[in-house]
């Protein structure tokens, strides 16, 4: 088994649309709990993640539908694929396969940064423009070289 590193919030995950930033903070907290879970804790932690992801994606999907976000179908399709994977892993985990749950957890940790910086950031900008009539400004500390 390869060593996993617990995912933590990074400044790049702040998108400037507070409702989305809040739901992402919740996701990261649940993901860290799933990463750190003992085998016997995995079923409950995965259930919590699945419940969160359903609400998280429903919220984003509603925003996209209500505002007619142009690339919404691609974004929503990705949400569907993630939920399908989680549901499939939940079944395998119930049969005792903890490794598949650990693999899913690692996949979610690898998926989130790209999803956030590409798809969710575009939605955050769209939402800011729709609601605030301007692109959100996010002030981030400079990275040291």
Protein backbone atom coordinates (compact mmCIF):
# COMPACT_ATOMS: atom_id res chain seq x y z
CA UNK A 1 0.00 0.00 0.00
CA UNK A 2 1.33 3.46 -0.87
CA UNK A 3 1.54 6.06 1.82
CA UNK A 4 -1.40 8.46 1.90
CA UNK A 5 -1.08 12.04 2.98
CA UNK A 6 -4.07 13.61 4.64
CA UNK A 7 -5.52 16.36 2.49
CA UNK A 8 -5.71 19.79 4.06
CA UNK A 9 -7.22 23.07 3.02
CA UNK A 10 -5.00 25.12 0.75
CA UNK A 11 -5.38 28.74 -0.18
CA UNK A 12 -5.93 27.77 -3.83
CA UNK A 13 -9.21 26.11 -2.82
CA UNK A 14 -10.74 29.48 -1.88
CA UNK A 15 -12.88 30.54 -4.83
CA UNK A 16 -14.51 33.70 -3.52
CA UNK A 17 -18.08 32.48 -3.47
CA UNK A 18 -18.75 31.92 0.23
CA UNK A 19 -21.47 29.22 -0.02
CA UNK A 20 -19.20 27.14 -2.25
CA UNK A 21 -16.12 27.76 -0.13
CA UNK A 22 -18.06 26.64 2.95
CA UNK A 23 -19.25 23.40 1.34
CA UNK A 24 -15.70 22.69 0.17
CA UNK A 25 -14.42 23.19 3.73
CA UNK A 26 -16.96 20.60 4.88
CA UNK A 27 -15.84 18.20 2.15
CA UNK A 28 -12.18 18.55 3.13
CA UNK A 29 -12.95 17.94 6.81
CA UNK A 30 -14.92 14.77 5.98
CA UNK A 31 -12.24 13.59 3.58
CA UNK A 32 -9.55 14.02 6.24
CA UNK A 33 -11.70 12.00 8.67
CA UNK A 34 -12.12 9.28 6.05
CA UNK A 35 -8.37 9.23 5.36
CA UNK A 36 -7.57 8.90 9.05
CA UNK A 37 -10.29 6.33 9.84
CA UNK A 38 -9.55 2.92 11.24
CA UNK A 39 -11.01 0.05 9.22
CA UNK A 40 -13.98 -0.33 11.58
CA UNK A 41 -14.80 3.38 11.18
CA UNK A 42 -14.85 3.30 7.38
CA UNK A 43 -18.54 2.38 6.85
CA UNK A 44 -19.80 5.28 8.99
CA UNK A 45 -17.29 7.76 7.57
CA UNK A 46 -18.09 6.73 3.99
CA UNK A 47 -21.80 7.10 4.72
CA UNK A 48 -21.13 10.63 6.03
CA UNK A 49 -19.13 11.44 2.90
CA UNK A 50 -21.83 10.09 0.61
CA UNK A 51 -24.51 12.14 2.40
CA UNK A 52 -22.32 15.23 2.16
CA UNK A 53 -21.51 14.69 -1.52
CA UNK A 54 -25.19 14.28 -2.40
CA UNK A 55 -26.06 17.57 -0.69
CA UNK A 56 -22.90 19.27 -2.02
CA UNK A 57 -23.55 18.27 -5.61
CA UNK A 58 -27.29 18.98 -5.36
CA UNK A 59 -26.46 22.52 -4.24
CA UNK A 60 -23.99 23.10 -7.06
CA UNK A 61 -26.34 21.53 -9.60
CA UNK A 62 -29.14 23.83 -8.45
CA UNK A 63 -26.89 26.86 -8.84
CA UNK A 64 -25.94 25.76 -12.35
CA UNK A 65 -29.54 25.10 -13.40
CA UNK A 66 -30.92 28.31 -11.89
CA UNK A 67 -28.28 30.49 -13.51
CA UNK A 68 -28.06 28.56 -16.79
CA UNK A 69 -24.33 28.01 -16.30
CA UNK A 70 -23.16 27.17 -19.85
CA UNK A 71 -20.95 24.07 -19.21
CA UNK A 72 -23.32 22.71 -16.54
CA UNK A 73 -23.88 19.30 -18.13
CA UNK A 74 -20.18 18.39 -18.09
CA UNK A 75 -19.92 19.51 -14.46
CA UNK A 76 -23.09 17.64 -13.47
CA UNK A 77 -21.91 14.51 -15.28
CA UNK A 78 -18.77 14.53 -13.17
CA UNK A 79 -20.91 14.78 -10.02
CA UNK A 80 -22.94 11.77 -11.18
CA UNK A 81 -19.79 9.74 -11.80
CA UNK A 82 -18.39 10.50 -8.34
CA UNK A 83 -21.66 9.57 -6.62
CA UNK A 84 -21.84 6.34 -8.64
CA UNK A 85 -18.32 5.40 -7.56
CA UNK A 86 -19.08 6.12 -3.91
CA UNK A 87 -22.25 4.01 -4.05
CA UNK A 88 -20.38 1.11 -5.64
CA UNK A 89 -17.61 1.31 -3.04
CA UNK A 90 -20.16 1.45 -0.20
CA UNK A 91 -21.51 -1.93 -1.36
CA UNK A 92 -18.02 -3.46 -1.60
CA UNK A 93 -17.10 -2.03 1.78
CA UNK A 94 -20.19 -3.66 3.31
CA UNK A 95 -18.79 -6.95 2.00
CA UNK A 96 -15.56 -6.28 3.91
CA UNK A 97 -13.38 -4.75 1.20
CA UNK A 98 -11.64 -1.94 3.07
CA UNK A 99 -8.93 -1.51 0.43
CA UNK A 100 -11.40 -0.34 -2.20
CA UNK A 101 -12.62 2.30 0.25
CA UNK A 102 -9.06 3.44 0.88
CA UNK A 103 -8.49 3.62 -2.88
CA UNK A 104 -11.64 5.71 -3.34
CA UNK A 105 -10.54 8.00 -0.55
CA UNK A 106 -7.20 8.56 -2.27
CA UNK A 107 -8.96 9.10 -5.60
CA UNK A 108 -11.20 11.77 -4.03
CA UNK A 109 -8.14 13.50 -2.58
CA UNK A 110 -6.52 13.51 -6.03
CA UNK A 111 -9.76 14.53 -7.81
CA UNK A 112 -10.75 17.47 -5.63
CA UNK A 113 -7.96 19.98 -6.45
CA UNK A 114 -8.47 19.72 -10.22
CA UNK A 115 -12.25 19.74 -9.98
CA UNK A 116 -12.11 22.80 -7.74
CA UNK A 117 -9.60 24.82 -9.73
CA UNK A 118 -11.24 24.12 -13.08
CA UNK A 119 -14.95 23.37 -12.87
CA UNK A 120 -15.86 24.88 -9.52
CA UNK A 121 -13.81 28.05 -10.00
CA UNK A 122 -15.63 28.70 -13.27
CA UNK A 123 -18.95 28.22 -11.49
CA UNK A 124 -17.87 30.50 -8.61
CA UNK A 125 -16.97 33.23 -11.10
CA UNK A 126 -20.27 32.72 -12.90
CA UNK A 127 -22.19 32.91 -9.61
CA UNK A 128 -20.37 36.09 -8.60
CA UNK A 129 -21.09 37.66 -11.92
CA UNK A 130 -24.75 36.60 -11.78
CA UNK A 131 -25.39 37.67 -8.18
CA UNK A 132 -22.87 40.42 -7.61
CA UNK A 133 -22.47 41.64 -11.19
CA UNK A 134 -18.73 41.10 -11.00
CA UNK A 135 -16.05 38.43 -10.71
CA UNK A 136 -15.17 37.51 -7.12
CA UNK A 137 -11.83 38.79 -5.93
CA UNK A 138 -9.78 36.45 -3.79
CA UNK A 139 -6.67 37.76 -2.14
CA UNK A 140 -4.14 35.00 -1.62
CA UNK A 141 -0.67 35.20 -0.09
CA UNK A 142 2.18 35.07 -2.54
CA UNK A 143 3.92 31.74 -2.88
CA UNK A 144 7.55 31.78 -1.95
CA UNK A 145 10.00 30.47 -4.47
